[in-house]
Amino acid sequence: MLANTLYRFIYEEDGQGITEYGAILAFVAILVALVFGITKGALTGAISAAFSSVVKQLNNLSSAASLASS
């Protein structure tokens, strides 16, 4: 029983993918934190404007779709 568990722990790679994704996510999070730290918040306005533009376009599409279906 112990030998089987040890064999599975060493040779099977079931959890390897999730570990790699976690490491990539941690790296990206650190990179984003560094970029925001270096730019001292200058990026915040640009990101806010981009999201506002997307929201405005989605609202316009929603209004046009509701008028077309009436």
PDB file of N, CA and C in Angstrom:
ATOM      1  N   MET A   1       0.826  -1.184   0.000  1.00  0.00           N
ATOM      2  CA  MET A   1       0.000   0.000   0.000  1.00  0.00           C
ATOM      3  C   MET A   1       0.873   1.250   0.000  1.00  0.00           C
ATOM      4  N   LEU A   2       1.859   1.309   0.868  1.00  0.00           N
ATOM      5  CA  LEU A   2       2.756   2.459   0.931  1.00  0.00           C
ATOM      6  C   LEU A   2       3.578   2.571  -0.348  1.00  0.00           C
ATOM      7  N   ALA A   3       4.001   1.439  -0.875  1.00  0.00           N
ATOM      8  CA  ALA A   3       4.783   1.453  -2.109  1.00  0.00           C
ATOM      9  C   ALA A   3       3.951   1.991  -3.261  1.00  0.00           C
ATOM     10  N   ASN A   4       2.678   1.605  -3.325  1.00  0.00           N
ATOM     11  CA  ASN A   4       1.786   2.078  -4.381  1.00  0.00           C
ATOM     12  C   ASN A   4       1.578   3.590  -4.281  1.00  0.00           C
ATOM     13  N   THR A   5       1.378   4.091  -3.072  1.00  0.00           N
ATOM     14  CA  THR A   5       1.184   5.526  -2.857  1.00  0.00           C
ATOM     15  C   THR A   5       2.443   6.295  -3.227  1.00  0.00           C
ATOM     16  N   LEU A   6       3.599   5.773  -2.831  1.00  0.00           N
ATOM     17  CA  LEU A   6       4.867   6.413  -3.154  1.00  0.00           C
ATOM     18  C   LEU A   6       5.102   6.418  -4.661  1.00  0.00           C
ATOM     19  N   TYR A   7       4.790   5.321  -5.325  1.00  0.00           N
ATOM     20  CA  TYR A   7       4.937   5.225  -6.775  1.00  0.00           C
ATOM     21  C   TYR A   7       4.065   6.280  -7.464  1.00  0.00           C
ATOM     22  N   ARG A   8       2.812   6.376  -7.032  1.00  0.00           N
ATOM     23  CA  ARG A   8       1.885   7.347  -7.640  1.00  0.00           C
ATOM     24  C   ARG A   8       2.371   8.772  -7.402  1.00  0.00           C
ATOM     25  N   PHE A   9       2.895   9.060  -6.222  1.00  0.00           N
ATOM     26  CA  PHE A   9       3.375  10.395  -5.898  1.00  0.00           C
ATOM     27  C   PHE A   9       4.548  10.790  -6.791  1.00  0.00           C
ATOM     28  N   ILE A  10       5.423   9.842  -7.070  1.00  0.00           N
ATOM     29  CA  ILE A  10       6.631  10.146  -7.840  1.00  0.00           C
ATOM     30  C   ILE A  10       6.359  10.173  -9.340  1.00  0.00           C
ATOM     31  N   TYR A  11       5.585   9.211  -9.847  1.00  0.00           N
ATOM     32  CA  TYR A  11       5.486   9.037 -11.295  1.00  0.00           C
ATOM     33  C   TYR A  11       4.233   9.616 -11.946  1.00  0.00           C
ATOM     34  N   GLU A  12       3.180   9.829 -11.230  1.00  0.00           N
ATOM     35  CA  GLU A  12       1.987  10.390 -11.847  1.00  0.00           C
ATOM     36  C   GLU A  12       2.049  11.907 -11.800  1.00  0.00           C
ATOM     37  N   GLU A  13       1.510  12.542 -12.832  1.00  0.00           N
ATOM     38  CA  GLU A  13       1.611  13.987 -12.963  1.00  0.00           C
ATOM     39  C   GLU A  13       0.232  14.642 -12.983  1.00  0.00           C
ATOM     40  N   ASP A  14      -0.712  14.136 -12.200  1.00  0.00           N
ATOM     41  CA  ASP A  14      -2.076  14.648 -12.231  1.00  0.00           C
ATOM     42  C   ASP A  14      -2.171  16.103 -11.804  1.00  0.00           C
ATOM     43  N   GLY A  15      -1.471  16.507 -10.776  1.00  0.00           N
ATOM     44  CA  GLY A  15      -1.574  17.862 -10.258  1.00  0.00           C
ATOM     45  C   GLY A  15      -0.580  18.837 -10.856  1.00  0.00           C
ATOM     46  N   GLN A  16       0.210  18.389 -11.803  1.00  0.00           N
ATOM     47  CA  GLN A  16       1.259  19.226 -12.351  1.00  0.00           C
ATOM     48  C   GLN A  16       0.685  20.427 -13.095  1.00  0.00           C
ATOM     49  N   GLY A  17      -0.360  20.241 -13.861  1.00  0.00           N
ATOM     50  CA  GLY A  17      -0.925  21.323 -14.655  1.00  0.00           C
ATOM     51  C   GLY A  17      -1.445  22.454 -13.800  1.00  0.00           C
ATOM     52  N   ILE A  18      -2.169  22.131 -12.746  1.00  0.00           N
ATOM     53  CA  ILE A  18      -2.728  23.162 -11.879  1.00  0.00           C
ATOM     54  C   ILE A  18      -1.625  23.918 -11.158  1.00  0.00           C
ATOM     55  N   THR A  19      -0.550  23.244 -10.824  1.00  0.00           N
ATOM     56  CA  THR A  19       0.585  23.896 -10.176  1.00  0.00           C
ATOM     57  C   THR A  19       1.249  24.883 -11.135  1.00  0.00           C
ATOM     58  N   GLU A  20       1.386  24.489 -12.389  1.00  0.00           N
ATOM     59  CA  GLU A  20       1.988  25.378 -13.380  1.00  0.00           C
ATOM     60  C   GLU A  20       1.110  26.599 -13.612  1.00  0.00           C
ATOM     61  N   TYR A  21      -0.194  26.406 -13.701  1.00  0.00           N
ATOM     62  CA  TYR A  21      -1.097  27.547 -13.874  1.00  0.00           C
ATOM     63  C   TYR A  21      -1.027  28.484 -12.667  1.00  0.00           C
ATOM     64  N   GLY A  22      -0.926  27.929 -11.487  1.00  0.00           N
ATOM     65  CA  GLY A  22      -0.794  28.751 -10.287  1.00  0.00           C
ATOM     66  C   GLY A  22       0.481  29.571 -10.303  1.00  0.00           C
ATOM     67  N   ALA A  23       1.574  28.961 -10.745  1.00  0.00           N
ATOM     68  CA  ALA A  23       2.849  29.679 -10.823  1.00  0.00           C
ATOM     69  C   ALA A  23       2.783  30.795 -11.858  1.00  0.00           C
ATOM     70  N   ILE A  24       2.158  30.537 -12.987  1.00  0.00           N
ATOM     71  CA  ILE A  24       2.004  31.567 -14.017  1.00  0.00           C
ATOM     72  C   ILE A  24       1.140  32.707 -13.508  1.00  0.00           C
ATOM     73  N   LEU A  25       0.045  32.378 -12.823  1.00  0.00           N
ATOM     74  CA  LEU A  25      -0.837  33.400 -12.273  1.00  0.00           C
ATOM     75  C   LEU A  25      -0.108  34.256 -11.243  1.00  0.00           C
ATOM     76  N   ALA A  26       0.697  33.639 -10.395  1.00  0.00           N
ATOM     77  CA  ALA A  26       1.473  34.387  -9.401  1.00  0.00           C
ATOM     78  C   ALA A  26       2.474  35.312 -10.085  1.00  0.00           C
ATOM     79  N   PHE A  27       3.128  34.824 -11.138  1.00  0.00           N
ATOM     80  CA  PHE A  27       4.089  35.642 -11.876  1.00  0.00           C
ATOM     81  C   PHE A  27       3.402  36.847 -12.512  1.00  0.00           C
ATOM     82  N   VAL A  28       2.245  36.636 -13.119  1.00  0.00           N
ATOM     83  CA  VAL A  28       1.515  37.737 -13.751  1.00  0.00           C
ATOM     84  C   VAL A  28       1.060  38.746 -12.699  1.00  0.00           C
ATOM     85  N   ALA A  29       0.598  38.265 -11.554  1.00  0.00           N
ATOM     86  CA  ALA A  29       0.161  39.169 -10.493  1.00  0.00           C
ATOM     87  C   ALA A  29       1.322  40.035  -9.992  1.00  0.00           C
ATOM     88  N   ILE A  30       2.484  39.436  -9.833  1.00  0.00           N
ATOM     89  CA  ILE A  30       3.666  40.195  -9.401  1.00  0.00           C
ATOM     90  C   ILE A  30       4.063  41.200 -10.476  1.00  0.00           C
ATOM     91  N   LEU A  31       4.005  40.796 -11.730  1.00  0.00           N
ATOM     92  CA  LEU A  31       4.349  41.692 -12.836  1.00  0.00           C
ATOM     93  C   LEU A  31       3.396  42.882 -12.892  1.00  0.00           C
ATOM     94  N   VAL A  32       2.100  42.646 -12.732  1.00  0.00           N
ATOM     95  CA  VAL A  32       1.111  43.733 -12.733  1.00  0.00           C
ATOM     96  C   VAL A  32       1.362  44.671 -11.555  1.00  0.00           C
ATOM     97  N   ALA A  33       1.647  44.114 -10.385  1.00  0.00           N
ATOM     98  CA  ALA A  33       1.931  44.945  -9.213  1.00  0.00           C
ATOM     99  C   ALA A  33       3.163  45.806  -9.444  1.00  0.00           C
ATOM    100  N   LEU A  34       4.185  45.246 -10.053  1.00  0.00           N
ATOM    101  CA  LEU A  34       5.389  46.024 -10.342  1.00  0.00           C
ATOM    102  C   LEU A  34       5.110  47.147 -11.330  1.00  0.00           C
ATOM    103  N   VAL A  35       4.340  46.850 -12.378  1.00  0.00           N
ATOM    104  CA  VAL A  35       4.021  47.878 -13.377  1.00  0.00           C
ATOM    105  C   VAL A  35       3.230  49.018 -12.738  1.00  0.00           C
ATOM    106  N   PHE A  36       2.228  48.683 -11.915  1.00  0.00           N
ATOM    107  CA  PHE A  36       1.462  49.725 -11.256  1.00  0.00           C
ATOM    108  C   PHE A  36       2.324  50.496 -10.260  1.00  0.00           C
ATOM    109  N   GLY A  37       3.260  49.835  -9.634  1.00  0.00           N
ATOM    110  CA  GLY A  37       4.149  50.517  -8.701  1.00  0.00           C
ATOM    111  C   GLY A  37       5.109  51.457  -9.405  1.00  0.00           C
ATOM    112  N   ILE A  38       5.603  51.036 -10.548  1.00  0.00           N
ATOM    113  CA  ILE A  38       6.563  51.858 -11.296  1.00  0.00           C
ATOM    114  C   ILE A  38       5.875  53.074 -11.910  1.00  0.00           C
ATOM    115  N   THR A  39       4.664  52.893 -12.443  1.00  0.00           N
ATOM    116  CA  THR A  39       3.970  54.007 -13.095  1.00  0.00           C
ATOM    117  C   THR A  39       3.288  54.925 -12.097  1.00  0.00           C
ATOM    118  N   LYS A  40       3.252  54.545 -10.835  1.00  0.00           N
ATOM    119  CA  LYS A  40       2.675  55.355  -9.757  1.00  0.00           C
ATOM    120  C   LYS A  40       1.240  55.788 -10.045  1.00  0.00           C
ATOM    121  N   GLY A  41       0.441  54.888 -10.578  1.00  0.00           N
ATOM    122  CA  GLY A  41      -0.980  55.162 -10.785  1.00  0.00           C
ATOM    123  C   GLY A  41      -1.312  55.844 -12.095  1.00  0.00           C
ATOM    124  N   ALA A  42      -0.333  56.136 -12.937  1.00  0.00           N
ATOM    125  CA  ALA A  42      -0.610  56.783 -14.219  1.00  0.00           C
ATOM    126  C   ALA A  42      -1.429  55.887 -15.136  1.00  0.00           C
ATOM    127  N   LEU A  43      -1.303  54.600 -14.929  1.00  0.00           N
ATOM    128  CA  LEU A  43      -2.038  53.643 -15.750  1.00  0.00           C
ATOM    129  C   LEU A  43      -3.508  53.567 -15.360  1.00  0.00           C
ATOM    130  N   THR A  44      -3.834  53.976 -14.152  1.00  0.00           N
ATOM    131  CA  THR A  44      -5.195  53.847 -13.643  1.00  0.00           C
ATOM    132  C   THR A  44      -6.193  54.625 -14.488  1.00  0.00           C
ATOM    133  N   GLY A  45      -5.850  55.840 -14.860  1.00  0.00           N
ATOM    134  CA  GLY A  45      -6.748  56.659 -15.675  1.00  0.00           C
ATOM    135  C   GLY A  45      -6.999  56.057 -17.045  1.00  0.00           C
ATOM    136  N   ALA A  46      -5.952  55.518 -17.660  1.00  0.00           N
ATOM    137  CA  ALA A  46      -6.099  54.917 -18.985  1.00  0.00           C
ATOM    138  C   ALA A  46      -6.971  53.663 -18.929  1.00  0.00           C
ATOM    139  N   ILE A  47      -6.785  52.858 -17.910  1.00  0.00           N
ATOM    140  CA  ILE A  47      -7.588  51.644 -17.768  1.00  0.00           C
ATOM    141  C   ILE A  47      -9.036  52.005 -17.481  1.00  0.00           C
ATOM    142  N   SER A  48      -9.260  52.989 -16.640  1.00  0.00           N
ATOM    143  CA  SER A  48     -10.615  53.433 -16.330  1.00  0.00           C
ATOM    144  C   SER A  48     -11.306  53.963 -17.580  1.00  0.00           C
ATOM    145  N   ALA A  49     -10.606  54.747 -18.382  1.00  0.00           N
ATOM    146  CA  ALA A  49     -11.184  55.274 -19.621  1.00  0.00           C
ATOM    147  C   ALA A  49     -11.516  54.148 -20.600  1.00  0.00           C
ATOM    148  N   ALA A  50     -10.661  53.151 -20.677  1.00  0.00           N
ATOM    149  CA  ALA A  50     -10.918  52.029 -21.580  1.00  0.00           C
ATOM    150  C   ALA A  50     -12.156  51.257 -21.146  1.00  0.00           C
ATOM    151  N   PHE A  51     -12.286  50.985 -19.854  1.00  0.00           N
ATOM    152  CA  PHE A  51     -13.465  50.267 -19.372  1.00  0.00           C
ATOM    153  C   PHE A  51     -14.725  51.102 -19.540  1.00  0.00           C
ATOM    154  N   SER A  52     -14.632  52.404 -19.316  1.00  0.00           N
ATOM    155  CA  SER A  52     -15.786  53.280 -19.507  1.00  0.00           C
ATOM    156  C   SER A  52     -16.239  53.277 -20.961  1.00  0.00           C
ATOM    157  N   SER A  53     -15.280  53.267 -21.873  1.00  0.00           N
ATOM    158  CA  SER A  53     -15.605  53.216 -23.296  1.00  0.00           C
ATOM    159  C   SER A  53     -16.313  51.910 -23.652  1.00  0.00           C
ATOM    160  N   VAL A  54     -15.836  50.818 -23.109  1.00  0.00           N
ATOM    161  CA  VAL A  54     -16.464  49.523 -23.372  1.00  0.00           C
ATOM    162  C   VAL A  54     -17.885  49.489 -22.817  1.00  0.00           C
ATOM    163  N   VAL A  55     -18.069  50.004 -21.606  1.00  0.00           N
ATOM    164  CA  VAL A  55     -19.403  50.035 -20.993  1.00  0.00           C
ATOM    165  C   VAL A  55     -20.347  50.898 -21.824  1.00  0.00           C
ATOM    166  N   LYS A  56     -19.861  52.033 -22.298  1.00  0.00           N
ATOM    167  CA  LYS A  56     -20.686  52.923 -23.119  1.00  0.00           C
ATOM    168  C   LYS A  56     -21.110  52.224 -24.411  1.00  0.00           C
ATOM    169  N   GLN A  57     -20.168  51.529 -25.059  1.00  0.00           N
ATOM    170  CA  GLN A  57     -20.494  50.827 -26.295  1.00  0.00           C
ATOM    171  C   GLN A  57     -21.484  49.689 -26.046  1.00  0.00           C
ATOM    172  N   LEU A  58     -21.328  48.968 -24.943  1.00  0.00           N
ATOM    173  CA  LEU A  58     -22.268  47.897 -24.618  1.00  0.00           C
ATOM    174  C   LEU A  58     -23.665  48.450 -24.336  1.00  0.00           C
ATOM    175  N   ASN A  59     -23.733  49.579 -23.645  1.00  0.00           N
ATOM    176  CA  ASN A  59     -25.028  50.211 -23.398  1.00  0.00           C
ATOM    177  C   ASN A  59     -25.683  50.657 -24.700  1.00  0.00           C
ATOM    178  N   ASN A  60     -24.887  51.211 -25.626  1.00  0.00           N
ATOM    179  CA  ASN A  60     -25.421  51.617 -26.923  1.00  0.00           C
ATOM    180  C   ASN A  60     -25.945  50.410 -27.699  1.00  0.00           C
ATOM    181  N   LEU A  61     -25.202  49.306 -27.665  1.00  0.00           N
ATOM    182  CA  LEU A  61     -25.642  48.078 -28.349  1.00  0.00           C
ATOM    183  C   LEU A  61     -26.918  47.537 -27.737  1.00  0.00           C
ATOM    184  N   SER A  62     -27.000  47.607 -26.420  1.00  0.00           N
ATOM    185  CA  SER A  62     -28.202  47.117 -25.728  1.00  0.00           C
ATOM    186  C   SER A  62     -29.410  47.955 -26.101  1.00  0.00           C
ATOM    187  N   SER A  63     -29.228  49.275 -26.158  1.00  0.00           N
ATOM    188  CA  SER A  63     -30.321  50.161 -26.539  1.00  0.00           C
ATOM    189  C   SER A  63     -30.753  49.905 -27.977  1.00  0.00           C
ATOM    190  N   ALA A  64     -29.800  49.731 -28.863  1.00  0.00           N
ATOM    191  CA  ALA A  64     -30.119  49.471 -30.269  1.00  0.00           C
ATOM    192  C   ALA A  64     -30.829  48.132 -30.417  1.00  0.00           C
ATOM    193  N   ALA A  65     -30.418  47.133 -29.658  1.00  0.00           N
ATOM    194  CA  ALA A  65     -31.051  45.810 -29.744  1.00  0.00           C
ATOM    195  C   ALA A  65     -32.479  45.860 -29.214  1.00  0.00           C
ATOM    196  N   SER A  66     -32.710  46.615 -28.156  1.00  0.00           N
ATOM    197  CA  SER A  66     -34.061  46.690 -27.620  1.00  0.00           C
ATOM    198  C   SER A  66     -34.976  47.483 -28.545  1.00  0.00           C
ATOM    199  N   LEU A  67     -34.458  48.496 -29.231  1.00  0.00           N
ATOM    200  CA  LEU A  67     -35.257  49.233 -30.197  1.00  0.00           C
ATOM    201  C   LEU A  67     -35.573  48.371 -31.419  1.00  0.00           C
ATOM    202  N   ALA A  68     -34.624  47.552 -31.836  1.00  0.00           N
ATOM    203  CA  ALA A  68     -34.825  46.694 -33.011  1.00  0.00           C
ATOM    204  C   ALA A  68     -35.835  45.587 -32.730  1.00  0.00           C
ATOM    205  N   SER A  69     -35.892  45.128 -31.498  1.00  0.00           N
ATOM    206  CA  SER A  69     -36.823  44.040 -31.175  1.00  0.00           C
ATOM    207  C   SER A  69     -38.229  44.536 -30.871  1.00  0.00           C
ATOM    208  N   SER A  70     -38.388  45.845 -30.735  1.00  0.00           N
ATOM    209  CA  SER A  70     -39.727  46.402 -30.428  1.00  0.00           C
ATOM    210  C   SER A  70     -40.613  46.437 -31.630  1.00  0.00           C
TER     211      SER A  70
END
